[in-house]
Amino acid sequence: MAAKIKKAEYYYATIDDRPGQWARILAEIKKSKVNLMAVTAFPTLTGKTQIDFFPKDAEKFKAAAGSAGLILTGPKKGFLVQGEDRAGALVEIHRKLADAGINVTAANGSAAGSGRFGYVFWVKPENFDRAAQILGAK
């Protein structure tokens, strides 16, 4: 089974990197019944963390984020990939992009259990539409 590649909008927020921040934010999102397709985070400046949220319903998410006190940037664009977990599952995606001279600027993924995986990745904004076309992303 081929992986499904979707164009996805995401929003990001920068928060203080301290205990309890994730729990507080995720509790607010849960309370608002917002479904996240993916979430990823990484440290930025000393004492800060950037969280990228890929919500299923952007309007609902923005309201929940506001209730959580988050200052959002976005929407931005990335790709969400879901598929059968197997050796080399991402090779074809990266080969097509490389052959077109498009660099993947960041990525995160994980096995999802039950033989499935999830993966998010980003390309430069000026390459997004071309990458989507090359990959057949919907």
Protein backbone atom coordinates (compact mmCIF):
# COMPACT_ATOMS: atom_id res chain seq x y z
CA MET A 1 0.00 0.00 0.00
CA ALA A 2 1.43 3.36 -1.03
CA ALA A 3 1.69 6.10 1.56
CA LYS A 4 -0.94 8.84 1.48
CA ILE A 5 0.57 12.30 1.25
CA LYS A 6 -1.56 15.27 2.22
CA LYS A 7 -0.94 18.98 2.08
CA ALA A 8 -1.49 20.23 5.60
CA GLU A 9 -1.74 23.60 7.26
CA TYR A 10 -0.07 24.08 10.59
CA TYR A 11 0.29 26.78 13.19
CA TYR A 12 3.11 27.28 15.62
CA ALA A 13 3.55 28.89 18.98
CA THR A 14 6.62 29.57 21.09
CA ILE A 15 6.27 28.80 24.78
CA ASP A 16 8.44 28.83 27.88
CA ASP A 17 10.21 25.50 28.26
CA ARG A 18 9.17 24.51 31.77
CA PRO A 19 7.26 21.71 33.48
CA GLY A 20 3.50 21.78 33.06
CA GLN A 21 3.30 23.87 29.88
CA TRP A 22 2.48 20.94 27.59
CA ALA A 23 -0.07 19.55 30.06
CA ARG A 24 -1.84 22.92 30.32
CA ILE A 25 -1.94 23.48 26.56
CA LEU A 26 -3.01 19.94 25.69
CA ALA A 27 -5.73 20.02 28.37
CA GLU A 28 -7.21 23.17 26.79
CA ILE A 29 -7.09 21.60 23.34
CA LYS A 30 -8.75 18.45 24.68
CA LYS A 31 -11.42 20.48 26.47
CA SER A 32 -12.25 22.13 23.15
CA LYS A 33 -12.45 18.70 21.44
CA VAL A 34 -9.80 19.63 18.89
CA ASN A 35 -8.28 16.74 16.97
CA LEU A 36 -4.62 17.15 16.05
CA MET A 37 -3.31 15.19 13.05
CA ALA A 38 0.28 15.81 14.18
CA VAL A 39 2.22 17.85 16.69
CA THR A 40 5.95 18.37 16.93
CA ALA A 41 8.16 20.53 19.11
CA PHE A 42 11.78 21.52 19.43
CA PRO A 43 13.86 23.94 21.48
CA THR A 44 14.56 27.36 20.02
CA LEU A 45 16.15 30.10 22.09
CA THR A 46 17.35 29.36 25.60
CA GLY A 47 14.32 28.49 27.68
CA LYS A 48 11.86 28.44 24.75
CA THR A 49 10.17 25.69 22.73
CA GLN A 50 8.41 25.94 19.36
CA ILE A 51 5.36 23.73 18.99
CA ASP A 52 3.93 23.03 15.53
CA PHE A 53 0.26 21.99 15.54
CA PHE A 54 -1.41 20.30 12.55
CA PRO A 55 -5.12 20.59 13.46
CA LYS A 56 -7.93 18.80 11.70
CA ASP A 57 -10.20 21.85 12.18
CA ALA A 58 -8.23 25.12 12.07
CA GLU A 59 -11.00 27.40 13.38
CA LYS A 60 -11.72 25.19 16.36
CA PHE A 61 -8.00 24.91 17.07
CA LYS A 62 -7.42 28.68 16.90
CA ALA A 63 -10.19 29.23 19.46
CA ALA A 64 -8.69 26.59 21.78
CA ALA A 65 -5.20 28.04 21.35
CA GLY A 66 -6.52 31.48 22.28
CA SER A 67 -8.11 30.03 25.42
CA ALA A 68 -4.73 28.47 26.27
CA GLY A 69 -3.05 31.87 25.87
CA LEU A 70 -1.02 30.83 22.83
CA ILE A 71 0.10 33.38 20.28
CA LEU A 72 -0.05 31.57 16.96
CA THR A 73 1.84 32.10 13.75
CA GLY A 74 0.27 30.67 10.62
CA PRO A 75 -1.23 29.08 8.82
CA LYS A 76 1.94 27.67 7.32
CA LYS A 77 2.21 24.68 4.98
CA GLY A 78 3.71 21.26 5.43
CA PHE A 79 3.04 17.68 4.41
CA LEU A 80 1.46 14.85 6.38
CA VAL A 81 2.29 11.30 5.31
CA GLN A 82 0.53 8.18 6.59
CA GLY A 83 1.14 4.64 5.46
CA GLU A 84 2.15 1.06 6.00
CA ASP A 85 5.21 0.78 8.25
CA ARG A 86 7.89 -1.00 6.23
CA ALA A 87 11.59 -0.67 5.53
CA GLY A 88 12.22 2.13 3.05
CA ALA A 89 8.72 3.61 3.29
CA LEU A 90 10.06 7.16 2.83
CA VAL A 91 12.70 6.53 0.18
CA GLU A 92 10.45 7.16 -2.83
CA ILE A 93 9.19 10.46 -1.41
CA HIS A 94 12.69 11.77 -0.75
CA ARG A 95 14.04 10.45 -4.07
CA LYS A 96 11.33 12.26 -6.06
CA LEU A 97 12.01 15.50 -4.24
CA ALA A 98 15.79 15.16 -4.60
CA ASP A 99 15.47 14.43 -8.30
CA ALA A 100 13.49 17.68 -8.63
CA GLY A 101 16.12 19.62 -6.67
CA ILE A 102 13.80 20.17 -3.70
CA ASN A 103 15.31 19.95 -0.22
CA VAL A 104 13.38 18.73 2.82
CA THR A 105 14.15 21.35 5.46
CA ALA A 106 12.74 19.49 8.48
CA ALA A 107 10.90 16.26 9.25
CA ASN A 108 9.53 14.15 12.10
CA GLY A 109 7.99 10.72 12.06
CA SER A 110 7.15 7.67 14.08
CA ALA A 111 5.78 4.18 13.84
CA ALA A 112 2.14 4.40 14.89
CA GLY A 113 1.54 0.78 15.84
CA SER A 114 -0.61 -1.76 14.02
CA GLY A 115 1.85 -1.69 11.12
CA ARG A 116 1.36 2.03 10.36
CA PHE A 117 3.54 5.15 10.45
CA GLY A 118 3.05 8.89 10.43
CA TYR A 119 5.48 11.49 9.14
CA VAL A 120 5.45 15.26 8.73
CA PHE A 121 7.90 17.23 6.65
CA TRP A 122 8.54 20.71 5.37
CA VAL A 123 10.06 22.24 2.26
CA LYS A 124 10.77 25.90 1.60
CA PRO A 125 7.56 27.84 0.85
CA GLU A 126 8.66 28.62 -2.69
CA ASN A 127 8.94 24.84 -3.37
CA PHE A 128 5.69 23.77 -1.71
CA ASP A 129 3.36 23.76 -4.74
CA ARG A 130 5.89 22.02 -6.95
CA ALA A 131 6.60 19.40 -4.26
CA ALA A 132 2.88 18.79 -3.84
CA GLN A 133 2.49 18.27 -7.58
CA ILE A 134 5.49 15.93 -7.81
CA LEU A 135 4.23 13.83 -4.90
CA GLY A 136 0.56 13.88 -5.90
CA ALA A 137 -0.32 15.38 -2.52
CA LYS A 138 -3.96 16.26 -2.07
